[in-house]
PDB file of N, CA and C in Angstrom:
ATOM      1  N   MET A   1     -23.789 -11.187   6.536  1.00  0.00           N
ATOM      2  CA  MET A   1     -22.630 -10.720   7.518  1.00  0.00           C
ATOM      3  C   MET A   1     -23.081 -11.184   8.971  1.00  0.00           C
ATOM      4  N   ASP A   2     -24.483 -11.137   9.283  1.00  0.00           N
ATOM      5  CA  ASP A   2     -24.917 -11.553  10.580  1.00  0.00           C
ATOM      6  C   ASP A   2     -24.382 -12.978  10.838  1.00  0.00           C
ATOM      7  N   ASP A   3     -24.471 -13.851  10.080  1.00  0.00           N
ATOM      8  CA  ASP A   3     -24.016 -15.419  10.095  1.00  0.00           C
ATOM      9  C   ASP A   3     -22.739 -15.141  10.420  1.00  0.00           C
ATOM     10  N   LEU A   4     -21.841 -14.661   9.787  1.00  0.00           N
ATOM     11  CA  LEU A   4     -20.352 -14.484   9.930  1.00  0.00           C
ATOM     12  C   LEU A   4     -19.924 -13.937  11.394  1.00  0.00           C
ATOM     13  N   ILE A   5     -20.718 -12.958  11.815  1.00  0.00           N
ATOM     14  CA  ILE A   5     -20.555 -12.407  13.241  1.00  0.00           C
ATOM     15  C   ILE A   5     -20.854 -13.401  14.111  1.00  0.00           C
ATOM     16  N   ALA A   6     -21.951 -14.074  13.977  1.00  0.00           N
ATOM     17  CA  ALA A   6     -22.604 -15.029  15.057  1.00  0.00           C
ATOM     18  C   ALA A   6     -21.587 -16.288  15.129  1.00  0.00           C
ATOM     19  N   ASP A   7     -21.144 -16.666  13.989  1.00  0.00           N
ATOM     20  CA  ASP A   7     -20.299 -17.751  14.007  1.00  0.00           C
ATOM     21  C   ASP A   7     -18.880 -17.506  14.811  1.00  0.00           C
ATOM     22  N   LEU A   8     -18.449 -16.252  14.637  1.00  0.00           N
ATOM     23  CA  LEU A   8     -17.021 -15.888  15.325  1.00  0.00           C
ATOM     24  C   LEU A   8     -17.315 -15.598  16.603  1.00  0.00           C
ATOM     25  N   LYS A   9     -18.537 -15.108  17.043  1.00  0.00           N
ATOM     26  CA  LYS A   9     -18.832 -14.904  18.587  1.00  0.00           C
ATOM     27  C   LYS A   9     -19.082 -16.309  19.135  1.00  0.00           C
ATOM     28  N   GLU A  10     -19.506 -17.431  18.351  1.00  0.00           N
ATOM     29  CA  GLU A  10     -19.829 -18.717  18.919  1.00  0.00           C
ATOM     30  C   GLU A  10     -18.558 -19.443  19.207  1.00  0.00           C
ATOM     31  N   MET A  11     -17.410 -18.966  18.416  1.00  0.00           N
ATOM     32  CA  MET A  11     -15.890 -19.569  18.861  1.00  0.00           C
ATOM     33  C   MET A  11     -15.376 -18.732  19.798  1.00  0.00           C
ATOM     34  N   ASP A  12     -16.207 -17.922  20.531  1.00  0.00           N
ATOM     35  CA  ASP A  12     -15.562 -17.057  21.797  1.00  0.00           C
ATOM     36  C   ASP A  12     -14.665 -15.946  21.072  1.00  0.00           C
ATOM     37  N   PHE A  13     -14.760 -15.439  20.067  1.00  0.00           N
ATOM     38  CA  PHE A  13     -13.968 -14.117  19.542  1.00  0.00           C
ATOM     39  C   PHE A  13     -14.877 -12.962  19.860  1.00  0.00           C
ATOM     40  N   ASP A  14     -14.126 -11.903  20.218  1.00  0.00           N
ATOM     41  CA  ASP A  14     -14.508 -10.592  20.216  1.00  0.00           C
ATOM     42  C   ASP A  14     -14.860 -10.110  18.999  1.00  0.00           C
ATOM     43  N   VAL A  15     -15.902  -9.523  18.246  1.00  0.00           N
ATOM     44  CA  VAL A  15     -15.897  -9.085  16.996  1.00  0.00           C
ATOM     45  C   VAL A  15     -16.221  -7.567  16.731  1.00  0.00           C
ATOM     46  N   TYR A  16     -15.345  -6.836  16.126  1.00  0.00           N
ATOM     47  CA  TYR A  16     -15.487  -5.502  16.056  1.00  0.00           C
ATOM     48  C   TYR A  16     -15.570  -5.148  14.618  1.00  0.00           C
ATOM     49  N   GLY A  17     -16.316  -3.843  14.144  1.00  0.00           N
ATOM     50  CA  GLY A  17     -16.235  -3.482  12.713  1.00  0.00           C
ATOM     51  C   GLY A  17     -16.652  -2.009  12.947  1.00  0.00           C
ATOM     52  N   PRO A  18     -16.816  -1.310  11.840  1.00  0.00           N
ATOM     53  CA  PRO A  18     -17.078   0.265  11.904  1.00  0.00           C
ATOM     54  C   PRO A  18     -18.413   0.403  12.264  1.00  0.00           C
ATOM     55  N   GLU A  19     -18.403   1.561  12.874  1.00  0.00           N
ATOM     56  CA  GLU A  19     -19.980   1.991  13.534  1.00  0.00           C
ATOM     57  C   GLU A  19     -20.980   1.669  12.448  1.00  0.00           C
ATOM     58  N   HIS A  20     -20.806   2.067  11.183  1.00  0.00           N
ATOM     59  CA  HIS A  20     -21.585   1.775  10.231  1.00  0.00           C
ATOM     60  C   HIS A  20     -21.150   0.489   9.556  1.00  0.00           C
ATOM     61  N   LEU A  21     -21.646  -0.767   9.929  1.00  0.00           N
ATOM     62  CA  LEU A  21     -21.146  -1.820   9.518  1.00  0.00           C
ATOM     63  C   LEU A  21     -21.316  -1.930   7.807  1.00  0.00           C
ATOM     64  N   THR A  22     -20.006  -2.370   7.119  1.00  0.00           N
ATOM     65  CA  THR A  22     -20.018  -2.523   5.713  1.00  0.00           C
ATOM     66  C   THR A  22     -19.829  -3.995   5.413  1.00  0.00           C
ATOM     67  N   THR A  23     -18.747  -4.475   4.904  1.00  0.00           N
ATOM     68  CA  THR A  23     -18.543  -5.899   4.529  1.00  0.00           C
ATOM     69  C   THR A  23     -17.438  -6.490   5.159  1.00  0.00           C
ATOM     70  N   TYR A  24     -16.965  -5.971   6.278  1.00  0.00           N
ATOM     71  CA  TYR A  24     -15.886  -6.440   6.879  1.00  0.00           C
ATOM     72  C   TYR A  24     -15.712  -6.466   8.437  1.00  0.00           C
ATOM     73  N   VAL A  25     -15.069  -7.272   9.165  1.00  0.00           N
ATOM     74  CA  VAL A  25     -15.003  -7.273  10.641  1.00  0.00           C
ATOM     75  C   VAL A  25     -13.650  -7.696  10.952  1.00  0.00           C
ATOM     76  N   TYR A  26     -13.182  -7.352  12.159  1.00  0.00           N
ATOM     77  CA  TYR A  26     -12.024  -7.897  12.723  1.00  0.00           C
ATOM     78  C   TYR A  26     -12.338  -8.787  13.869  1.00  0.00           C
ATOM     79  N   PHE A  27     -11.820  -9.773  14.346  1.00  0.00           N
ATOM     80  CA  PHE A  27     -12.060 -10.628  15.337  1.00  0.00           C
ATOM     81  C   PHE A  27     -10.756 -11.006  16.054  1.00  0.00           C
ATOM     82  N   THR A  28     -11.001 -11.172  17.461  1.00  0.00           N
ATOM     83  CA  THR A  28      -9.707 -11.222  18.317  1.00  0.00           C
ATOM     84  C   THR A  28     -10.071 -11.983  19.483  1.00  0.00           C
ATOM     85  N   ASP A  29      -9.031 -12.712  19.953  1.00  0.00           N
ATOM     86  CA  ASP A  29      -9.201 -13.295  21.406  1.00  0.00           C
ATOM     87  C   ASP A  29      -8.699 -12.449  22.369  1.00  0.00           C
ATOM     88  N   GLY A  30      -8.224 -11.162  22.063  1.00  0.00           N
ATOM     89  CA  GLY A  30      -7.706 -10.225  22.938  1.00  0.00           C
ATOM     90  C   GLY A  30      -6.223  -9.865  22.706  1.00  0.00           C
ATOM     91  N   ILE A  31      -5.626 -10.920  21.869  1.00  0.00           N
ATOM     92  CA  ILE A  31      -4.240 -10.678  21.485  1.00  0.00           C
ATOM     93  C   ILE A  31      -4.052 -10.856  19.998  1.00  0.00           C
ATOM     94  N   ARG A  32      -4.525 -12.143  19.537  1.00  0.00           N
ATOM     95  CA  ARG A  32      -4.455 -12.293  18.090  1.00  0.00           C
ATOM     96  C   ARG A  32      -5.590 -11.710  17.331  1.00  0.00           C
ATOM     97  N   ILE A  33      -5.205 -11.082  16.119  1.00  0.00           N
ATOM     98  CA  ILE A  33      -6.163 -10.434  15.580  1.00  0.00           C
ATOM     99  C   ILE A  33      -6.386 -11.049  14.070  1.00  0.00           C
ATOM    100  N   GLY A  34      -7.522 -11.234  13.448  1.00  0.00           N
ATOM    101  CA  GLY A  34      -7.841 -11.543  12.117  1.00  0.00           C
ATOM    102  C   GLY A  34      -8.841 -10.656  11.670  1.00  0.00           C
ATOM    103  N   TYR A  35      -8.821 -10.811  10.122  1.00  0.00           N
ATOM    104  CA  TYR A  35      -9.662  -9.852   9.352  1.00  0.00           C
ATOM    105  C   TYR A  35     -10.682 -10.953   8.631  1.00  0.00           C
ATOM    106  N   ALA A  36     -11.930 -10.497   8.604  1.00  0.00           N
ATOM    107  CA  ALA A  36     -12.895 -11.231   7.919  1.00  0.00           C
ATOM    108  C   ALA A  36     -13.685 -10.429   6.933  1.00  0.00           C
ATOM    109  N   GLN A  37     -14.079 -10.708   5.796  1.00  0.00           N
ATOM    110  CA  GLN A  37     -14.814  -9.885   4.652  1.00  0.00           C
ATOM    111  C   GLN A  37     -15.783 -10.586   4.012  1.00  0.00           C
ATOM    112  N   ASN A  38     -16.926 -10.115   3.980  1.00  0.00           N
ATOM    113  CA  ASN A  38     -17.944 -11.047   3.175  1.00  0.00           C
ATOM    114  C   ASN A  38     -18.080 -10.441   1.885  1.00  0.00           C
ATOM    115  N   ASP A  39     -17.419 -11.179   0.829  1.00  0.00           N
ATOM    116  CA  ASP A  39     -17.277 -10.649  -0.499  1.00  0.00           C
ATOM    117  C   ASP A  39     -18.456 -11.298  -1.190  1.00  0.00           C
ATOM    118  N   ARG A  40     -19.108 -10.482  -1.795  1.00  0.00           N
ATOM    119  CA  ARG A  40     -20.447 -10.818  -2.416  1.00  0.00           C
ATOM    120  C   ARG A  40     -20.318 -11.724  -3.589  1.00  0.00           C
ATOM    121  N   LEU A  41     -18.984 -11.811  -4.216  1.00  0.00           N
ATOM    122  CA  LEU A  41     -18.756 -12.796  -5.249  1.00  0.00           C
ATOM    123  C   LEU A  41     -18.136 -14.028  -4.815  1.00  0.00           C
ATOM    124  N   GLU A  42     -17.359 -13.890  -3.725  1.00  0.00           N
ATOM    125  CA  GLU A  42     -16.250 -14.967  -3.603  1.00  0.00           C
ATOM    126  C   GLU A  42     -16.518 -15.480  -2.132  1.00  0.00           C
ATOM    127  N   GLY A  43     -17.636 -15.121  -1.234  1.00  0.00           N
ATOM    128  CA  GLY A  43     -17.964 -15.444   0.012  1.00  0.00           C
ATOM    129  C   GLY A  43     -16.986 -14.932   0.900  1.00  0.00           C
ATOM    130  N   ILE A  44     -16.901 -15.546   2.128  1.00  0.00           N
ATOM    131  CA  ILE A  44     -16.041 -15.146   3.316  1.00  0.00           C
ATOM    132  C   ILE A  44     -14.483 -15.167   2.834  1.00  0.00           C
ATOM    133  N   LYS A  45     -13.776 -14.010   2.959  1.00  0.00           N
ATOM    134  CA  LYS A  45     -12.439 -14.271   2.811  1.00  0.00           C
ATOM    135  C   LYS A  45     -11.915 -13.745   4.104  1.00  0.00           C
ATOM    136  N   TYR A  46     -10.773 -14.108   4.400  1.00  0.00           N
ATOM    137  CA  TYR A  46      -9.839 -14.041   5.582  1.00  0.00           C
ATOM    138  C   TYR A  46      -8.559 -13.507   5.247  1.00  0.00           C
ATOM    139  N   ALA A  47      -7.975 -12.659   6.324  1.00  0.00           N
ATOM    140  CA  ALA A  47      -6.624 -12.048   6.264  1.00  0.00           C
ATOM    141  C   ALA A  47      -5.872 -12.004   7.605  1.00  0.00           C
ATOM    142  N   THR A  48      -4.593 -12.112   7.670  1.00  0.00           N
ATOM    143  CA  THR A  48      -3.970 -11.810   9.035  1.00  0.00           C
ATOM    144  C   THR A  48      -3.808 -10.314   9.145  1.00  0.00           C
ATOM    145  N   VAL A  49      -3.730  -9.979  10.247  1.00  0.00           N
ATOM    146  CA  VAL A  49      -3.441  -8.539  10.693  1.00  0.00           C
ATOM    147  C   VAL A  49      -2.022  -8.032  11.412  1.00  0.00           C
ATOM    148  N   HIS A  50      -1.303  -7.314  10.726  1.00  0.00           N
ATOM    149  CA  HIS A  50      -0.058  -6.839  11.463  1.00  0.00           C
ATOM    150  C   HIS A  50       0.293  -5.458  11.130  1.00  0.00           C
ATOM    151  N   LYS A  51       1.371  -4.965  11.806  1.00  0.00           N
ATOM    152  CA  LYS A  51       1.714  -3.631  11.591  1.00  0.00           C
ATOM    153  C   LYS A  51       2.227  -3.237  10.034  1.00  0.00           C
ATOM    154  N   ALA A  52       1.971  -2.236   9.532  1.00  0.00           N
ATOM    155  CA  ALA A  52       2.125  -2.156   8.026  1.00  0.00           C
ATOM    156  C   ALA A  52       3.704  -1.989   7.928  1.00  0.00           C
ATOM    157  N   ASN A  53       3.992  -2.618   6.814  1.00  0.00           N
ATOM    158  CA  ASN A  53       5.532  -2.509   6.429  1.00  0.00           C
ATOM    159  C   ASN A  53       5.813  -2.431   4.854  1.00  0.00           C
ATOM    160  N   GLN A  54       6.821  -2.277   4.394  1.00  0.00           N
ATOM    161  CA  GLN A  54       6.906  -2.020   2.749  1.00  0.00           C
ATOM    162  C   GLN A  54       6.915  -3.620   2.212  1.00  0.00           C
ATOM    163  N   TYR A  55       7.160  -4.466   2.974  1.00  0.00           N
ATOM    164  CA  TYR A  55       7.393  -5.948   2.275  1.00  0.00           C
ATOM    165  C   TYR A  55       6.172  -6.749   2.144  1.00  0.00           C
ATOM    166  N   THR A  56       5.301  -6.614   3.324  1.00  0.00           N
ATOM    167  CA  THR A  56       4.175  -7.457   3.571  1.00  0.00           C
ATOM    168  C   THR A  56       2.881  -6.659   3.778  1.00  0.00           C
ATOM    169  N   GLY A  57       2.847  -5.421   3.479  1.00  0.00           N
ATOM    170  CA  GLY A  57       1.627  -4.544   3.828  1.00  0.00           C
ATOM    171  C   GLY A  57       1.074  -4.725   5.033  1.00  0.00           C
ATOM    172  N   THR A  58      -0.172  -4.755   5.367  1.00  0.00           N
ATOM    173  CA  THR A  58      -0.829  -5.014   6.630  1.00  0.00           C
ATOM    174  C   THR A  58      -1.353  -6.278   7.029  1.00  0.00           C
ATOM    175  N   GLY A  59      -1.269  -7.245   6.172  1.00  0.00           N
ATOM    176  CA  GLY A  59      -1.705  -8.598   6.259  1.00  0.00           C
ATOM    177  C   GLY A  59      -1.427  -9.440   5.130  1.00  0.00           C
ATOM    178  N   PHE A  60      -1.555 -10.913   5.484  1.00  0.00           N
ATOM    179  CA  PHE A  60      -1.561 -11.852   4.474  1.00  0.00           C
ATOM    180  C   PHE A  60      -2.968 -12.526   4.103  1.00  0.00           C
ATOM    181  N   GLN A  61      -3.214 -12.739   2.966  1.00  0.00           N
ATOM    182  CA  GLN A  61      -4.543 -13.362   2.595  1.00  0.00           C
ATOM    183  C   GLN A  61      -4.330 -14.905   3.166  1.00  0.00           C
ATOM    184  N   ALA A  62      -5.578 -15.282   4.070  1.00  0.00           N
ATOM    185  CA  ALA A  62      -5.655 -16.510   4.538  1.00  0.00           C
ATOM    186  C   ALA A  62      -6.917 -17.363   4.209  1.00  0.00           C
ATOM    187  N   GLN A  63      -6.770 -18.781   4.254  1.00  0.00           N
ATOM    188  CA  GLN A  63      -7.744 -19.605   3.817  1.00  0.00           C
ATOM    189  C   GLN A  63      -9.013 -19.723   4.690  1.00  0.00           C
ATOM    190  N   THR A  64      -8.577 -19.550   5.971  1.00  0.00           N
ATOM    191  CA  THR A  64      -9.500 -19.922   7.019  1.00  0.00           C
ATOM    192  C   THR A  64      -9.436 -19.024   8.217  1.00  0.00           C
ATOM    193  N   TRP A  65     -10.338 -18.887   9.305  1.00  0.00           N
ATOM    194  CA  TRP A  65     -10.297 -18.322  10.319  1.00  0.00           C
ATOM    195  C   TRP A  65      -8.889 -18.364  11.028  1.00  0.00           C
ATOM    196  N   MET A  66      -8.717 -19.799  11.252  1.00  0.00           N
ATOM    197  CA  MET A  66      -7.530 -20.223  11.957  1.00  0.00           C
ATOM    198  C   MET A  66      -6.092 -19.500  11.332  1.00  0.00           C
ATOM    199  N   GLU A  67      -5.972 -19.610  10.077  1.00  0.00           N
ATOM    200  CA  GLU A  67      -4.844 -19.110   9.479  1.00  0.00           C
ATOM    201  C   GLU A  67      -4.600 -17.451   9.612  1.00  0.00           C
ATOM    202  N   ALA A  68      -5.961 -16.788   9.777  1.00  0.00           N
ATOM    203  CA  ALA A  68      -6.058 -15.436   9.908  1.00  0.00           C
ATOM    204  C   ALA A  68      -5.269 -14.910  11.174  1.00  0.00           C
ATOM    205  N   LEU A  69      -5.416 -15.938  12.139  1.00  0.00           N
ATOM    206  CA  LEU A  69      -4.685 -15.550  13.324  1.00  0.00           C
ATOM    207  C   LEU A  69      -3.212 -16.009  13.582  1.00  0.00           C
ATOM    208  N   MET A  70      -2.786 -16.367  12.338  1.00  0.00           N
ATOM    209  CA  MET A  70      -1.259 -16.713  12.478  1.00  0.00           C
ATOM    210  C   MET A  70      -0.177 -15.570  12.100  1.00  0.00           C
ATOM    211  N   THR A  71       0.847 -15.583  12.427  1.00  0.00           N
ATOM    212  CA  THR A  71       1.972 -14.656  12.010  1.00  0.00           C
ATOM    213  C   THR A  71       2.244 -14.564  10.512  1.00  0.00           C
ATOM    214  N   ILE A  72       2.529 -15.903   9.981  1.00  0.00           N
ATOM    215  CA  ILE A  72       2.532 -16.086   8.690  1.00  0.00           C
ATOM    216  C   ILE A  72       1.960 -17.414   8.269  1.00  0.00           C
ATOM    217  N   PRO A  73       0.769 -17.230   7.343  1.00  0.00           N
ATOM    218  CA  PRO A  73       0.098 -18.611   7.218  1.00  0.00           C
ATOM    219  C   PRO A  73       0.846 -19.283   6.000  1.00  0.00           C
ATOM    220  N   PRO A  74       0.417 -20.604   5.882  1.00  0.00           N
ATOM    221  CA  PRO A  74       0.917 -21.412   4.811  1.00  0.00           C
ATOM    222  C   PRO A  74       1.013 -20.846   3.523  1.00  0.00           C
ATOM    223  N   GLY A  75       1.983 -20.905   2.827  1.00  0.00           N
ATOM    224  CA  GLY A  75       1.853 -20.326   1.430  1.00  0.00           C
ATOM    225  C   GLY A  75       2.947 -18.979   1.263  1.00  0.00           C
ATOM    226  N   PHE A  76       3.269 -18.567   2.416  1.00  0.00           N
ATOM    227  CA  PHE A  76       3.840 -17.428   2.326  1.00  0.00           C
ATOM    228  C   PHE A  76       5.231 -17.437   3.177  1.00  0.00           C
ATOM    229  N   SER A  77       5.631 -18.609   3.289  1.00  0.00           N
ATOM    230  CA  SER A  77       6.913 -18.790   3.996  1.00  0.00           C
ATOM    231  C   SER A  77       8.173 -18.181   3.152  1.00  0.00           C
ATOM    232  N   GLY A  78       9.257 -17.809   3.898  1.00  0.00           N
ATOM    233  CA  GLY A  78      10.418 -17.015   3.140  1.00  0.00           C
ATOM    234  C   GLY A  78      10.027 -15.611   2.999  1.00  0.00           C
ATOM    235  N   MET A  79       8.877 -15.090   3.521  1.00  0.00           N
ATOM    236  CA  MET A  79       8.536 -13.625   3.666  1.00  0.00           C
ATOM    237  C   MET A  79       9.029 -13.201   4.928  1.00  0.00           C
ATOM    238  N   PRO A  80       9.500 -11.858   5.065  1.00  0.00           N
ATOM    239  CA  PRO A  80      10.130 -11.399   6.211  1.00  0.00           C
ATOM    240  C   PRO A  80       8.857 -11.406   7.446  1.00  0.00           C
ATOM    241  N   THR A  81       9.294 -11.750   8.458  1.00  0.00           N
ATOM    242  CA  THR A  81       8.146 -11.865   9.673  1.00  0.00           C
ATOM    243  C   THR A  81       7.985 -10.472  10.103  1.00  0.00           C
ATOM    244  N   PRO A  82       6.401 -10.263   9.923  1.00  0.00           N
ATOM    245  CA  PRO A  82       5.869  -9.009  10.247  1.00  0.00           C
ATOM    246  C   PRO A  82       5.788  -8.621  11.776  1.00  0.00           C
ATOM    247  N   THR A  83       5.566  -7.667  12.021  1.00  0.00           N
ATOM    248  CA  THR A  83       5.475  -7.239  13.552  1.00  0.00           C
ATOM    249  C   THR A  83       4.000  -7.197  14.021  1.00  0.00           C
ATOM    250  N   LYS A  84       3.707  -7.813  14.666  1.00  0.00           N
ATOM    251  CA  LYS A  84       2.263  -8.126  15.178  1.00  0.00           C
ATOM    252  C   LYS A  84       2.027  -7.014  16.272  1.00  0.00           C
ATOM    253  N   TYR A  85       0.764  -6.604  16.256  1.00  0.00           N
ATOM    254  CA  TYR A  85       0.366  -5.748  17.500  1.00  0.00           C
ATOM    255  C   TYR A  85       0.368  -6.559  18.807  1.00  0.00           C
ATOM    256  N   ALA A  86       0.692  -5.727  19.821  1.00  0.00           N
ATOM    257  CA  ALA A  86       0.848  -6.361  21.313  1.00  0.00           C
ATOM    258  C   ALA A  86      -0.590  -6.765  21.631  1.00  0.00           C
ATOM    259  N   SER A  87      -1.630  -6.210  21.189  1.00  0.00           N
ATOM    260  CA  SER A  87      -2.861  -6.572  21.493  1.00  0.00           C
ATOM    261  C   SER A  87      -4.021  -6.014  20.806  1.00  0.00           C
ATOM    262  N   PHE A  88      -5.153  -6.418  20.834  1.00  0.00           N
ATOM    263  CA  PHE A  88      -6.344  -5.734  19.952  1.00  0.00           C
ATOM    264  C   PHE A  88      -6.406  -4.278  20.221  1.00  0.00           C
ATOM    265  N   GLU A  89      -6.216  -3.866  21.437  1.00  0.00           N
ATOM    266  CA  GLU A  89      -6.536  -2.436  21.939  1.00  0.00           C
ATOM    267  C   GLU A  89      -5.434  -1.776  21.256  1.00  0.00           C
ATOM    268  N   ALA A  90      -4.140  -2.222  21.214  1.00  0.00           N
ATOM    269  CA  ALA A  90      -3.218  -1.368  20.373  1.00  0.00           C
ATOM    270  C   ALA A  90      -3.381  -1.158  18.971  1.00  0.00           C
ATOM    271  N   PHE A  91      -3.999  -2.268  18.472  1.00  0.00           N
ATOM    272  CA  PHE A  91      -4.399  -2.038  16.988  1.00  0.00           C
ATOM    273  C   PHE A  91      -5.608  -1.066  16.876  1.00  0.00           C
ATOM    274  N   ARG A  92      -6.502  -1.146  17.827  1.00  0.00           N
ATOM    275  CA  ARG A  92      -7.583  -0.334  17.577  1.00  0.00           C
ATOM    276  C   ARG A  92      -7.481   1.242  17.950  1.00  0.00           C
ATOM    277  N   LYS A  93      -6.429   1.390  18.760  1.00  0.00           N
ATOM    278  CA  LYS A  93      -5.960   2.649  18.945  1.00  0.00           C
ATOM    279  C   LYS A  93      -5.468   3.783  17.712  1.00  0.00           C
ATOM    280  N   GLN A  94      -4.702   2.689  16.998  1.00  0.00           N
ATOM    281  CA  GLN A  94      -4.209   3.421  15.609  1.00  0.00           C
ATOM    282  C   GLN A  94      -5.219   3.313  14.609  1.00  0.00           C
ATOM    283  N   TYR A  95      -6.156   2.552  14.525  1.00  0.00           N
ATOM    284  CA  TYR A  95      -6.908   2.247  13.498  1.00  0.00           C
ATOM    285  C   TYR A  95      -7.609   3.659  13.027  1.00  0.00           C
ATOM    286  N   TRP A  96      -7.687   3.901  11.823  1.00  0.00           N
ATOM    287  CA  TRP A  96      -8.103   5.150  11.057  1.00  0.00           C
ATOM    288  C   TRP A  96      -9.616   5.520  11.333  1.00  0.00           C
ATOM    289  N   GLN A  97     -10.502   4.554  11.853  1.00  0.00           N
ATOM    290  CA  GLN A  97     -11.849   5.041  12.207  1.00  0.00           C
ATOM    291  C   GLN A  97     -12.209   4.115  13.464  1.00  0.00           C
ATOM    292  N   GLN A  98     -13.181   4.643  14.340  1.00  0.00           N
ATOM    293  CA  GLN A  98     -13.664   3.802  15.325  1.00  0.00           C
ATOM    294  C   GLN A  98     -14.065   2.543  15.105  1.00  0.00           C
ATOM    295  N   LEU A  99     -13.732   1.641  15.893  1.00  0.00           N
ATOM    296  CA  LEU A  99     -14.125   0.076  15.727  1.00  0.00           C
ATOM    297  C   LEU A  99     -15.045  -0.169  16.996  1.00  0.00           C
ATOM    298  N   VAL A 100     -16.284  -0.663  16.767  1.00  0.00           N
ATOM    299  CA  VAL A 100     -17.163  -0.877  17.813  1.00  0.00           C
ATOM    300  C   VAL A 100     -17.392  -2.268  17.940  1.00  0.00           C
ATOM    301  N   GLN A 101     -17.536  -2.753  19.197  1.00  0.00           N
ATOM    302  CA  GLN A 101     -17.792  -4.199  19.468  1.00  0.00           C
ATOM    303  C   GLN A 101     -19.130  -4.563  18.946  1.00  0.00           C
ATOM    304  N   LEU A 102     -19.333  -5.583  18.179  1.00  0.00           N
ATOM    305  CA  LEU A 102     -20.634  -6.126  17.597  1.00  0.00           C
ATOM    306  C   LEU A 102     -21.257  -7.235  18.290  1.00  0.00           C
TER     307      LEU A 102
END
């Protein structure tokens, strides 16, 4: 997890996670938001982040950190366009637990 966080910070992203860090983090450039999880069996997995809806949930699976920042990553064309958060702070305010900057 430390390597993932360091790599994201090196790319100039702000990285946030729960106060008691587990296996996932959110990363942002202040506006766009991505999700990364360190899966013990499959390695690092990424996903997009958008407002929850009945068609696309809260995000799409992404293959890379770059895709995680997209509205709709490749492979999901034809899906309804989700509503993105206006900023990371807007996302953070509604998140179910406190996210701290790492």
